[in-house]
Amino acid sequence: MEVKIHRCEHADDLREIVLSHYHLQADDLERLKKNELSDPLTCTNMELCLSILKDIREKHEKILICGDYDCDGICATAILCKAFEACQIDYGFYIPKRIEEGYGLHVDVLEKALAKGYRNIITVDNGVRAVEAMKFIRENHMRLILSDHHTFEKEDIVCDCFIHPFLADDAFYNCCGAGMALQIARCLIPDDKDIVALAALATIADSMPVIRENRNIIRKGIEYLNEGCMPALHALKNKPQDTFNMKMMSYTIIPKINSMGRLSDHVNVNNAVRYLLLKDQNAILNVARQINKINELRKEMSSDMEKIANGELQHTSFEIIAHRDFHEGIVGLVASKMASAHHRPFLILSELENEYKGSMRSVEGFDLIRYFSSFDGFERFGGHAQAAGVTIKKENLSALKHYIETHEMIYEENKTIECEWASEQAFSIQTVMEYMKLAPFGNGFEEILFYIENIQIQKKISLSNGKYYKIISSSGIEYLFFNSSLIPLIHEGMNVIAKVSLNDFRGQYHICMTVEDVIEENIYVQ
């Protein structure tokens, strides 16, 4: 790993460091703090979409919302349900069962919808790959509003109206499925806070770039949540006093929503949408308890699967572990944890009757899609460089293992870690608070990694029986060591790479540095 450290002229001025790091002017800081949403009517084809919805309402026709079983798809479905309900558009919704039906819009669902009198379909967070479904809709003279955010082939799209971020102007280019559903809904119910909060949750869940409209959606959604909107999401907090922010939502709320889609053999994912639409507080609390139980089951199953996987390690450069007790909805979580823990790619497979279904997870520098580009033994294979879903017949598993044994695993060059040199004097309660106002941070607008050298230790405190450590420097700044491998490296005068935040303890703010690495050498300063 190469560490590249940039040193601006004012290493003791956090504001100047921030401006230099993000290549901003002073006026840009205020612009980044704003969270006003863009005009949804500027989305390409939005006028056509609204015209179709108006026609449906005036003719008293029905429209079926077809969603997806992850947090983005669930939230997107709930957003349109809220909008259609408010506008008195006769609607229904359906999300496929992950294990039994799989991803996307299926012809058999459309056949049932047609039999129930639905002649209008709108997709959210899916649809661009549903070629057979689009053909069925056209042949049966139904209408389709296709709303999605996944990559598509233009020649495959056959619909009455296509709403997609790639077609929209620059502001909406990186929106997720719920982000695009939000634009439709805002044209119908412009001042509704719930739909913005749901879109914010989905944008965080899908790890979308925190730029352009996504920044506004996340900031505004979190603001509304902390004002008290969406009681159903408040009921999923671990503690009633918890504040909504990106980290809390990522580790608390989103896994609970996703668990409803993962365990389709234990719960109907459509109930997740119904839950988000609830208004009665007693009903909300009752269902929230059930969702928490499902999430606890998901965690137990995941833990059991990890134990099995660790017991069957082959210590190869690319681990493949298949087991009939592996749950199809959780293999991706286990593959991710195993790859992270053992620093190599993993394929975790659930054994079915005639085939395996599973998920791959990679590590930094290794591209799964590129590596398997010449392997033709998968029934289904798709994803991106770091994660992919797989279906393979049992008789082809040995061919896959042989492919891995005979094909060199080529890693890209080690990632360069870029940091900003800063003195401890740069950090005060006021300057850190101003920096934190630039949140949300995430993909495309990451938190700054600060390089701080020669730390003088005033106090060393063991946390959780030595699992973690906190260092208080002579200037009063707290340094937290959550990575156990870094604890032996703690010493007087050490140099660290860390992210800054404020810790609020009983109304008192403390500057807190979460240490990412302790650096001794291989430093390049520019």
Protein backbone atom coordinates (compact mmCIF):
# COMPACT_ATOMS: atom_id res chain seq x y z
CA MET A 1 0.00 0.00 0.00
CA GLU A 2 1.29 3.42 -0.95
CA VAL A 3 0.34 6.36 1.21
CA LYS A 4 0.25 9.68 -0.59
CA ILE A 5 0.04 12.70 1.67
CA HIS A 6 -0.90 16.14 0.45
CA ARG A 7 0.35 19.05 2.50
CA CYS A 8 -1.36 22.37 1.89
CA GLU A 9 0.16 25.64 3.02
CA HIS A 10 -2.09 25.82 6.07
CA ALA A 11 -1.80 22.44 7.82
CA ASP A 12 -3.06 24.04 11.05
CA ASP A 13 -6.26 25.43 9.45
CA LEU A 14 -8.96 22.78 8.94
CA ARG A 15 -11.07 25.02 6.69
CA GLU A 16 -8.16 25.54 4.29
CA ILE A 17 -7.38 21.82 4.33
CA VAL A 18 -11.01 21.03 3.43
CA LEU A 19 -11.05 23.55 0.57
CA SER A 20 -7.80 22.17 -0.80
CA HIS A 21 -8.84 18.52 -0.50
CA TYR A 22 -12.17 18.87 -2.30
CA HIS A 23 -10.82 21.47 -4.75
CA LEU A 24 -13.43 23.97 -3.62
CA GLN A 25 -13.74 27.72 -3.38
CA ALA A 26 -15.07 29.34 -0.21
CA ASP A 27 -18.50 29.90 -1.83
CA ASP A 28 -18.77 26.18 -2.63
CA LEU A 29 -18.92 25.29 1.07
CA GLU A 30 -22.24 27.06 1.51
CA ARG A 31 -23.61 25.46 -1.65
CA LEU A 32 -22.74 21.99 -0.33
CA LYS A 33 -24.60 22.69 2.90
CA LYS A 34 -27.85 23.40 1.06
CA ASN A 35 -30.37 20.59 0.69
CA GLU A 36 -33.09 21.93 -1.56
CA LEU A 37 -34.45 19.26 -3.89
CA SER A 38 -34.34 19.77 -7.65
CA ASP A 39 -37.40 20.24 -9.85
CA PRO A 40 -38.73 16.72 -10.66
CA LEU A 41 -40.46 18.00 -13.78
CA THR A 42 -37.05 18.41 -15.40
CA CYS A 43 -36.69 14.61 -15.49
CA THR A 44 -36.90 13.30 -19.05
CA ASN A 45 -40.36 11.84 -19.87
CA MET A 46 -41.86 13.06 -16.58
CA GLU A 47 -44.65 15.00 -18.33
CA LEU A 48 -45.55 11.85 -20.28
CA CYS A 49 -45.54 9.78 -17.07
CA LEU A 50 -47.89 12.23 -15.35
CA SER A 51 -50.17 12.27 -18.38
CA ILE A 52 -50.51 8.47 -18.27
CA LEU A 53 -51.19 8.52 -14.51
CA LYS A 54 -53.82 11.23 -14.99
CA ASP A 55 -55.48 9.15 -17.71
CA ILE A 56 -55.50 6.10 -15.43
CA ARG A 57 -57.18 8.08 -12.65
CA GLU A 58 -59.77 9.69 -14.92
CA LYS A 59 -60.71 6.37 -16.52
CA HIS A 60 -60.82 4.63 -13.11
CA GLU A 61 -58.30 2.04 -14.29
CA LYS A 62 -55.94 0.13 -12.02
CA ILE A 63 -52.14 0.23 -11.99
CA LEU A 64 -49.81 -2.37 -10.47
CA ILE A 65 -46.55 -1.22 -8.86
CA CYS A 66 -43.89 -3.92 -9.43
CA GLY A 67 -40.93 -3.57 -7.08
CA ASP A 68 -37.81 -5.38 -5.90
CA TYR A 69 -37.02 -7.22 -2.67
CA ASP A 70 -34.11 -5.09 -1.39
CA CYS A 71 -34.34 -1.90 0.64
CA ASP A 72 -34.26 0.29 -2.47
CA GLY A 73 -37.08 -1.62 -4.17
CA ILE A 74 -39.16 -1.82 -0.98
CA CYS A 75 -38.85 1.92 -0.33
CA ALA A 76 -39.51 2.78 -3.97
CA THR A 77 -42.70 0.70 -3.90
CA ALA A 78 -43.86 2.38 -0.68
CA ILE A 79 -43.16 5.83 -2.14
CA LEU A 80 -45.47 5.27 -5.10
CA CYS A 81 -48.10 3.62 -2.89
CA LYS A 82 -48.20 6.77 -0.76
CA ALA A 83 -48.41 9.02 -3.80
CA PHE A 84 -51.11 7.02 -5.58
CA GLU A 85 -53.14 6.71 -2.38
CA ALA A 86 -53.04 10.48 -1.87
CA CYS A 87 -54.06 11.10 -5.49
CA GLN A 88 -56.84 8.50 -5.46
CA ILE A 89 -55.22 6.39 -8.17
CA ASP A 90 -56.45 2.80 -7.92
CA TYR A 91 -53.30 0.75 -7.36
CA GLY A 92 -51.90 -2.54 -6.18
CA PHE A 93 -48.29 -3.59 -5.62
CA TYR A 94 -46.20 -6.72 -5.85
CA ILE A 95 -42.62 -7.63 -4.96
CA PRO A 96 -41.41 -11.10 -6.00
CA LYS A 97 -40.21 -13.63 -3.44
CA ARG A 98 -36.44 -13.73 -3.62
CA ILE A 99 -35.97 -17.49 -3.36
CA GLU A 100 -39.08 -18.79 -5.06
CA GLU A 101 -39.35 -16.25 -7.90
CA GLY A 102 -36.06 -14.40 -8.18
CA TYR A 103 -35.36 -10.87 -9.33
CA GLY A 104 -37.39 -8.81 -11.76
CA LEU A 105 -40.72 -8.59 -13.53
CA HIS A 106 -42.08 -12.01 -14.50
CA VAL A 107 -44.71 -12.97 -17.08
CA ASP A 108 -46.65 -15.14 -14.61
CA VAL A 109 -47.13 -12.11 -12.35
CA LEU A 110 -48.42 -10.11 -15.30
CA GLU A 111 -50.83 -12.91 -16.23
CA LYS A 112 -52.33 -12.84 -12.74
CA ALA A 113 -52.47 -9.04 -12.79
CA LEU A 114 -54.27 -9.05 -16.13
CA ALA A 115 -56.80 -11.55 -14.79
CA LYS A 116 -57.48 -9.18 -11.88
CA GLY A 117 -58.16 -6.26 -14.19
CA TYR A 118 -54.79 -4.49 -14.17
CA ARG A 119 -54.04 -3.00 -17.57
CA ASN A 120 -51.31 -0.64 -16.36
CA ILE A 121 -47.91 -1.53 -14.90
CA ILE A 122 -45.23 0.66 -13.34
CA THR A 123 -41.89 -0.81 -12.29
CA VAL A 124 -39.57 0.58 -9.64
CA ASP A 125 -35.92 -0.44 -9.19
CA ASN A 126 -36.28 -3.08 -11.92
CA GLY A 127 -37.61 -3.70 -15.40
CA VAL A 128 -34.89 -2.83 -17.91
CA ARG A 129 -33.90 -6.49 -18.27
CA ALA A 130 -37.46 -7.89 -18.32
CA VAL A 131 -37.55 -8.45 -22.08
CA GLU A 132 -40.19 -11.22 -21.99
CA ALA A 133 -42.37 -9.21 -19.63
CA MET A 134 -42.21 -6.16 -21.90
CA LYS A 135 -43.19 -8.35 -24.84
CA PHE A 136 -46.18 -9.77 -22.91
CA ILE A 137 -47.36 -6.28 -21.95
CA ARG A 138 -47.23 -5.09 -25.55
CA GLU A 139 -48.98 -8.20 -26.91
CA ASN A 140 -51.81 -7.81 -24.40
CA HIS A 141 -52.27 -4.09 -25.04
CA MET A 142 -51.31 -3.12 -21.51
CA ARG A 143 -49.45 0.08 -20.65
CA LEU A 144 -46.01 0.11 -19.03
CA ILE A 145 -44.24 2.93 -17.21
CA LEU A 146 -40.73 1.58 -16.75
CA SER A 147 -38.87 3.21 -13.87
CA ASP A 148 -35.43 1.80 -13.07
CA HIS A 149 -31.82 2.84 -12.51
CA HIS A 150 -29.88 -0.20 -13.70
CA THR A 151 -27.77 -0.29 -16.86
CA PHE A 152 -29.82 -1.06 -19.96
CA GLU A 153 -29.54 -1.81 -23.65
CA LYS A 154 -31.59 0.72 -25.62
CA GLU A 155 -32.87 -1.85 -28.10
CA ASP A 156 -34.37 -3.93 -25.25
CA ILE A 157 -36.64 -1.17 -23.94
CA VAL A 158 -40.27 -1.40 -25.11
CA CYS A 159 -42.63 0.67 -22.97
CA ASP A 160 -45.04 3.59 -22.98
CA CYS A 161 -42.87 5.76 -20.76
CA PHE A 162 -39.27 5.30 -19.59
CA ILE A 163 -38.08 7.07 -16.42
CA HIS A 164 -34.37 6.53 -15.84
CA PRO A 165 -31.54 8.61 -14.30
CA PHE A 166 -29.32 8.08 -17.36
CA LEU A 167 -31.95 9.91 -19.42
CA ALA A 168 -32.47 12.70 -16.90
CA ASP A 169 -30.42 15.85 -16.56
CA ASP A 170 -27.17 15.96 -14.60
CA ALA A 171 -28.81 16.45 -11.21
CA PHE A 172 -30.57 13.06 -11.21
CA TYR A 173 -27.91 11.00 -13.01
CA ASN A 174 -26.88 8.93 -9.96
CA CYS A 175 -30.29 8.40 -8.35
CA CYS A 176 -31.33 4.91 -7.21
CA GLY A 177 -34.69 3.25 -7.88
CA ALA A 178 -36.38 5.00 -4.96
CA GLY A 179 -34.73 8.25 -6.03
CA MET A 180 -36.51 8.04 -9.38
CA ALA A 181 -39.78 6.94 -7.73
CA LEU A 182 -39.42 10.03 -5.54
CA GLN A 183 -39.35 12.31 -8.58
CA ILE A 184 -42.63 10.82 -9.85
CA ALA A 185 -44.20 11.05 -6.39
CA ARG A 186 -43.08 14.64 -5.81
CA CYS A 187 -44.97 15.70 -8.93
CA LEU A 188 -48.11 14.23 -7.32
CA ILE A 189 -47.56 15.10 -3.63
CA PRO A 190 -44.81 17.77 -3.61
CA ASP A 191 -44.69 18.53 0.14
CA ASP A 192 -44.72 15.02 1.58
CA LYS A 193 -41.83 14.39 4.00
CA ASP A 194 -42.29 10.62 4.26
CA ILE A 195 -41.42 9.97 0.62
CA VAL A 196 -38.18 11.98 0.91
CA ALA A 197 -37.21 10.06 4.05
CA LEU A 198 -37.82 6.73 2.29
CA ALA A 199 -35.75 7.83 -0.71
CA ALA A 200 -32.92 8.87 1.62
CA LEU A 201 -32.94 5.45 3.29
CA ALA A 202 -32.84 3.71 -0.10
CA THR A 203 -30.05 5.96 -1.44
CA ILE A 204 -27.90 5.06 1.56
CA ALA A 205 -28.82 1.36 1.29
CA ASP A 206 -27.80 1.18 -2.38
CA SER A 207 -24.46 2.94 -1.67
CA MET A 208 -25.19 5.50 -4.36
CA PRO A 209 -22.69 8.32 -5.01
CA VAL A 210 -23.25 11.08 -2.47
CA ILE A 211 -23.26 13.79 -5.11
CA ARG A 212 -25.77 15.96 -6.96
CA GLU A 213 -29.42 15.19 -6.08
CA ASN A 214 -28.46 12.25 -3.87
CA ARG A 215 -26.81 14.66 -1.41
CA ASN A 216 -30.00 16.70 -1.25
CA ILE A 217 -32.20 13.63 -0.82
CA ILE A 218 -30.06 12.23 2.01
CA ARG A 219 -29.69 15.55 3.85
CA LYS A 220 -33.37 16.44 3.53
CA GLY A 221 -34.53 12.93 4.38
CA ILE A 222 -32.41 12.74 7.53
CA GLU A 223 -33.63 16.20 8.55
CA TYR A 224 -37.26 15.09 8.17
CA LEU A 225 -36.64 11.84 10.06
CA ASN A 226 -35.11 13.68 13.00
CA GLU A 227 -38.16 15.95 12.98
CA GLY A 228 -40.30 12.83 13.54
CA CYS A 229 -41.67 11.76 10.14
CA MET A 230 -42.07 8.06 9.23
CA PRO A 231 -42.93 6.53 12.64
CA ALA A 232 -42.40 3.08 11.10
CA LEU A 233 -38.68 3.82 10.72
CA HIS A 234 -38.45 5.27 14.24
CA ALA A 235 -39.88 2.02 15.61
CA LEU A 236 -36.91 0.13 14.10
CA LYS A 237 -34.31 2.13 16.02
CA ASN A 238 -32.33 0.21 18.64
CA LYS A 239 -32.94 2.96 21.19
CA PRO A 240 -35.73 5.57 21.09
CA GLN A 241 -33.22 8.38 21.65
CA ASP A 242 -31.01 7.37 18.70
CA THR A 243 -30.50 10.10 16.10
CA PHE A 244 -30.92 9.35 12.42
CA ASN A 245 -27.70 9.63 10.41
CA MET A 246 -26.08 7.65 7.61
CA LYS A 247 -24.13 5.35 9.94
CA MET A 248 -27.11 4.53 12.16
CA MET A 249 -29.36 3.90 9.18
CA SER A 250 -26.73 1.68 7.51
CA TYR A 251 -26.14 -0.51 10.55
CA THR A 252 -29.58 -0.50 12.18
CA ILE A 253 -32.54 0.30 9.92
CA ILE A 254 -31.40 -0.96 6.50
CA PRO A 255 -30.42 -4.51 7.62
CA LYS A 256 -33.85 -4.91 9.22
CA ILE A 257 -35.66 -3.87 6.05
CA ASN A 258 -33.39 -6.07 3.93
CA SER A 259 -33.95 -9.09 6.18
CA MET A 260 -37.58 -9.13 5.03
CA GLY A 261 -36.41 -9.68 1.47
CA ARG A 262 -33.62 -12.11 2.27
CA LEU A 263 -35.75 -14.59 4.22
CA SER A 264 -38.62 -15.00 1.78
CA ASP A 265 -39.22 -18.52 3.12
CA HIS A 266 -40.00 -17.04 6.54
CA VAL A 267 -41.81 -13.79 5.70
CA ASN A 268 -43.62 -12.18 2.76
CA VAL A 269 -41.50 -9.22 1.61
CA ASN A 270 -44.69 -7.40 0.57
CA ASN A 271 -45.40 -7.04 4.28
CA ALA A 272 -42.37 -4.73 4.47
CA VAL A 273 -44.17 -2.30 2.15
CA ARG A 274 -47.38 -2.65 4.17
CA TYR A 275 -45.38 -1.89 7.31
CA LEU A 276 -43.96 1.33 5.85
CA LEU A 277 -47.50 2.42 4.98
CA LEU A 278 -48.88 1.90 8.50
CA LYS A 279 -50.19 4.92 10.41
CA ASP A 280 -51.53 3.38 13.62
CA GLN A 281 -48.79 3.48 16.28
CA ASN A 282 -49.87 0.26 18.02
CA ALA A 283 -49.84 -1.62 14.71
CA ILE A 284 -46.42 -0.14 13.90
CA LEU A 285 -44.92 -1.28 17.21
CA ASN A 286 -46.42 -4.76 16.86
CA VAL A 287 -45.00 -5.31 13.36
CA ALA A 288 -41.66 -3.71 14.30
CA ARG A 289 -41.22 -6.40 16.96
CA GLN A 290 -41.80 -9.05 14.32
CA ILE A 291 -39.27 -7.43 11.97
CA ASN A 292 -36.69 -7.33 14.77
CA LYS A 293 -37.26 -11.06 15.31
CA ILE A 294 -36.74 -11.74 11.60
CA ASN A 295 -33.53 -9.71 11.69
CA GLU A 296 -32.29 -11.61 14.74
CA LEU A 297 -33.01 -14.86 12.90
CA ARG A 298 -31.05 -13.53 9.92
CA LYS A 299 -28.08 -12.75 12.18
CA GLU A 300 -28.21 -16.20 13.81
CA MET A 301 -28.37 -17.95 10.46
CA SER A 302 -25.54 -15.82 9.12
CA SER A 303 -23.38 -16.62 12.15
CA ASP A 304 -24.07 -20.35 11.79
CA MET A 305 -23.19 -20.24 8.10
CA GLU A 306 -19.93 -18.41 8.86
CA LYS A 307 -18.95 -21.13 11.35
CA ILE A 308 -19.60 -23.83 8.75
CA ALA A 309 -17.66 -21.88 6.10
CA ASN A 310 -14.67 -21.35 8.41
CA GLY A 311 -14.64 -25.10 9.11
CA GLU A 312 -14.48 -25.93 5.40
CA LEU A 313 -11.74 -23.55 4.28
CA GLN A 314 -9.44 -25.04 1.67
CA HIS A 315 -6.90 -22.20 2.03
CA THR A 316 -6.89 -21.61 -1.72
CA SER A 317 -6.45 -18.25 -3.41
CA PHE A 318 -10.15 -18.27 -4.38
CA GLU A 319 -12.36 -20.08 -1.88
CA ILE A 320 -15.48 -21.95 -3.04
CA ILE A 321 -17.67 -23.32 -0.25
CA ALA A 322 -20.97 -25.08 -0.97
CA HIS A 323 -23.33 -26.51 1.62
CA ARG A 324 -26.95 -27.66 1.63
CA ASP A 325 -27.56 -25.83 4.93
CA PHE A 326 -26.59 -22.46 3.45
CA HIS A 327 -29.57 -20.15 3.01
CA GLU A 328 -29.84 -18.64 -0.45
CA GLY A 329 -30.87 -15.24 0.85
CA ILE A 330 -27.84 -14.86 3.14
CA VAL A 331 -24.96 -16.24 1.04
CA GLY A 332 -23.97 -12.73 -0.06
CA LEU A 333 -23.60 -11.53 3.54
CA VAL A 334 -21.47 -14.52 4.44
CA ALA A 335 -19.30 -14.22 1.33
CA SER A 336 -18.70 -10.56 2.15
CA LYS A 337 -17.67 -11.28 5.75
CA MET A 338 -15.43 -14.20 4.74
CA ALA A 339 -13.67 -12.20 2.02
CA SER A 340 -13.09 -9.34 4.45
CA ALA A 341 -11.82 -11.62 7.23
CA HIS A 342 -9.54 -13.79 5.07
CA HIS A 343 -8.43 -11.18 2.48
CA ARG A 344 -9.22 -13.23 -0.62
CA PRO A 345 -12.22 -13.77 -2.93
CA PHE A 346 -15.02 -16.10 -1.81
CA LEU A 347 -17.89 -17.87 -3.52
CA ILE A 348 -20.52 -19.11 -1.06
CA LEU A 349 -23.05 -21.49 -2.60
CA SER A 350 -26.40 -22.77 -1.42
CA GLU A 351 -26.89 -26.37 -2.55
CA LEU A 352 -30.24 -27.06 -4.20
CA GLU A 353 -31.52 -30.21 -5.91
CA ASN A 354 -29.79 -29.88 -9.29
CA GLU A 355 -27.83 -26.66 -8.98
CA TYR A 356 -26.06 -24.22 -6.71
CA LYS A 357 -27.05 -20.61 -6.14
CA GLY A 358 -24.70 -18.22 -4.47
CA SER A 359 -22.75 -15.01 -4.25
CA MET A 360 -19.17 -14.01 -4.90
CA ARG A 361 -17.33 -11.28 -3.05
CA SER A 362 -13.92 -10.01 -4.02
CA VAL A 363 -11.15 -7.96 -2.44
CA GLU A 364 -9.50 -4.72 -3.50
CA GLY A 365 -7.83 -4.97 -6.89
CA PHE A 366 -9.44 -8.19 -8.14
CA ASP A 367 -12.18 -7.87 -10.79
CA LEU A 368 -14.65 -10.78 -10.71
CA ILE A 369 -16.37 -9.90 -13.99
CA ARG A 370 -13.10 -9.68 -15.89
CA TYR A 371 -11.73 -12.87 -14.33
CA PHE A 372 -14.74 -15.03 -15.27
CA SER A 373 -15.32 -13.44 -18.67
CA SER A 374 -14.13 -16.59 -20.48
CA PHE A 375 -15.92 -19.13 -18.26
CA ASP A 376 -19.15 -20.36 -19.87
CA GLY A 377 -20.31 -22.83 -17.21
CA PHE A 378 -22.63 -20.49 -15.28
CA GLU A 379 -26.38 -20.69 -15.77
CA ARG A 380 -26.59 -17.12 -14.50
CA PHE A 381 -23.81 -14.71 -13.63
CA GLY A 382 -24.05 -10.99 -13.07
CA GLY A 383 -22.90 -8.16 -10.87
CA HIS A 384 -19.82 -5.97 -10.79
CA ALA A 385 -16.11 -6.13 -10.07
CA GLN A 386 -16.45 -6.70 -6.33
CA ALA A 387 -19.71 -8.68 -6.06
CA ALA A 388 -21.62 -11.08 -8.29
CA GLY A 389 -24.56 -13.46 -8.14
CA VAL A 390 -24.16 -16.99 -9.48
CA THR A 391 -26.26 -19.98 -10.53
CA ILE A 392 -24.40 -23.08 -11.67
CA LYS A 393 -25.46 -26.67 -12.34
CA LYS A 394 -23.93 -29.25 -10.01
CA GLU A 395 -22.11 -31.03 -12.83
CA ASN A 396 -20.32 -27.77 -13.74
CA LEU A 397 -18.86 -27.06 -10.30
CA SER A 398 -15.74 -29.15 -10.96
CA ALA A 399 -15.21 -27.21 -14.22
CA LEU A 400 -15.40 -23.95 -12.26
CA LYS A 401 -12.80 -25.17 -9.78
CA HIS A 402 -10.56 -26.31 -12.65
CA TYR A 403 -10.94 -22.90 -14.29
CA ILE A 404 -9.75 -21.19 -11.10
CA GLU A 405 -6.82 -23.61 -10.75
CA THR A 406 -5.65 -22.98 -14.32
CA HIS A 407 -6.34 -19.25 -14.71
CA GLU A 408 -4.00 -16.77 -13.13
CA MET A 409 -5.59 -14.34 -10.69
CA ILE A 410 -4.34 -10.92 -11.70
CA TYR A 411 -4.62 -8.12 -9.20
CA GLU A 412 -4.48 -4.46 -10.09
CA GLU A 413 -1.79 -2.40 -8.44
CA ASN A 414 -2.31 -1.69 -4.75
CA LYS A 415 -4.60 1.19 -4.05
CA THR A 416 -3.00 4.47 -3.11
CA ILE A 417 -4.30 5.94 0.12
CA GLU A 418 -4.51 9.72 -0.16
CA CYS A 419 -4.41 11.79 3.01
CA GLU A 420 -4.26 15.38 4.13
CA TRP A 421 -1.44 16.40 6.45
CA ALA A 422 -2.87 18.15 9.51
CA SER A 423 -1.58 19.30 12.85
CA GLU A 424 -3.64 18.70 15.97
CA GLN A 425 -4.04 22.49 16.22
CA ALA A 426 -6.23 22.39 13.10
CA PHE A 427 -8.98 20.62 15.03
CA SER A 428 -11.26 22.51 17.37
CA ILE A 429 -14.90 21.91 18.28
CA GLN A 430 -15.91 24.78 16.00
CA THR A 431 -13.79 23.81 12.97
CA VAL A 432 -14.79 20.13 13.15
CA MET A 433 -18.44 21.09 13.54
CA GLU A 434 -18.21 23.22 10.37
CA TYR A 435 -16.54 20.34 8.53
CA MET A 436 -19.26 17.90 9.67
CA LYS A 437 -21.90 20.22 8.18
CA LEU A 438 -20.65 19.10 4.76
CA ALA A 439 -22.12 15.64 5.43
CA PRO A 440 -23.39 13.34 4.02
CA PHE A 441 -20.09 11.69 3.19
CA GLY A 442 -19.92 8.55 1.10
CA ASN A 443 -19.27 7.20 -2.36
CA GLY A 444 -18.08 10.10 -4.51
CA PHE A 445 -17.70 12.48 -1.56
CA GLU A 446 -15.68 10.55 0.98
CA GLU A 447 -14.61 11.73 4.40
CA ILE A 448 -11.10 13.15 4.50
CA LEU A 449 -8.34 10.90 5.77
CA PHE A 450 -6.01 13.00 7.92
CA TYR A 451 -2.34 12.23 8.49
CA ILE A 452 -1.32 13.32 11.97
CA GLU A 453 2.23 12.77 13.16
CA ASN A 454 4.14 12.59 16.42
CA ILE A 455 1.18 12.04 18.74
CA GLN A 456 2.03 12.52 22.40
CA ILE A 457 0.07 10.11 24.57
CA GLN A 458 -1.47 11.47 27.77
CA LYS A 459 -3.68 8.48 28.59
CA LYS A 460 -4.30 4.99 27.17
CA ILE A 461 -7.69 3.42 27.97
CA SER A 462 -8.80 -0.17 27.36
CA LEU A 463 -12.36 -0.59 26.06
CA SER A 464 -14.51 -3.75 25.96
CA ASN A 465 -11.91 -5.79 27.88
CA GLY A 466 -9.07 -4.82 25.56
CA LYS A 467 -10.95 -5.37 22.32
CA TYR A 468 -10.66 -1.66 21.53
CA TYR A 469 -8.47 1.16 22.79
CA LYS A 470 -8.81 4.88 23.23
CA ILE A 471 -5.82 7.19 23.35
CA ILE A 472 -6.07 10.73 24.67
CA SER A 473 -3.27 12.92 23.33
CA SER A 474 -1.60 15.79 25.16
CA SER A 475 -3.86 18.20 23.23
CA GLY A 476 -6.98 16.42 24.49
CA ILE A 477 -7.96 14.76 21.22
CA GLU A 478 -9.34 11.21 21.49
CA TYR A 479 -7.96 8.52 19.14
CA LEU A 480 -10.08 5.37 18.83
CA PHE A 481 -8.55 2.06 17.74
CA PHE A 482 -11.32 -0.30 16.59
CA ASN A 483 -9.02 -2.42 14.40
CA SER A 484 -7.42 -4.95 16.74
CA SER A 485 -4.38 -5.38 14.45
CA LEU A 486 -3.42 -1.75 15.10
CA ILE A 487 -3.43 -1.98 18.90
CA PRO A 488 0.12 -3.43 19.16
CA LEU A 489 1.36 -0.49 17.07
CA ILE A 490 0.29 2.13 19.62
CA HIS A 491 3.34 4.02 20.87
CA GLU A 492 4.54 7.46 21.88
CA GLY A 493 5.20 9.73 18.90
CA MET A 494 3.26 7.54 16.45
CA ASN A 495 1.90 8.77 13.12
CA VAL A 496 -1.68 7.87 12.23
CA ILE A 497 -4.20 8.08 9.42
CA ALA A 498 -7.62 8.89 10.87
CA LYS A 499 -11.10 10.28 10.24
CA VAL A 500 -12.40 13.06 12.48
CA SER A 501 -15.79 13.39 14.16
CA LEU A 502 -17.36 14.88 17.26
CA ASN A 503 -18.36 12.72 20.21
CA ASP A 504 -21.27 14.12 22.21
CA PHE A 505 -21.13 12.78 25.76
CA ARG A 506 -23.63 14.21 28.23
CA GLY A 507 -23.83 17.47 26.33
CA GLN A 508 -20.06 17.86 26.08
CA TYR A 509 -18.37 17.64 22.69
CA HIS A 510 -15.02 15.91 22.25
CA ILE A 511 -12.88 15.73 19.11
CA CYS A 512 -12.64 12.09 18.14
CA MET A 513 -10.27 10.48 15.63
CA THR A 514 -11.09 7.00 14.34
CA VAL A 515 -7.70 5.53 13.45
CA GLU A 516 -7.52 3.74 10.10
CA ASP A 517 -3.79 2.96 10.16
CA VAL A 518 -0.52 3.57 11.99
CA ILE A 519 2.16 4.65 9.52
CA GLU A 520 5.90 4.14 9.82
CA GLU A 521 7.14 4.21 6.21
CA ASN A 522 6.21 4.21 2.48
CA ILE A 523 5.04 7.81 2.69
CA TYR A 524 4.93 10.06 -0.34
CA VAL A 525 4.34 13.73 0.39
CA GLN A 526 3.31 16.14 -2.36
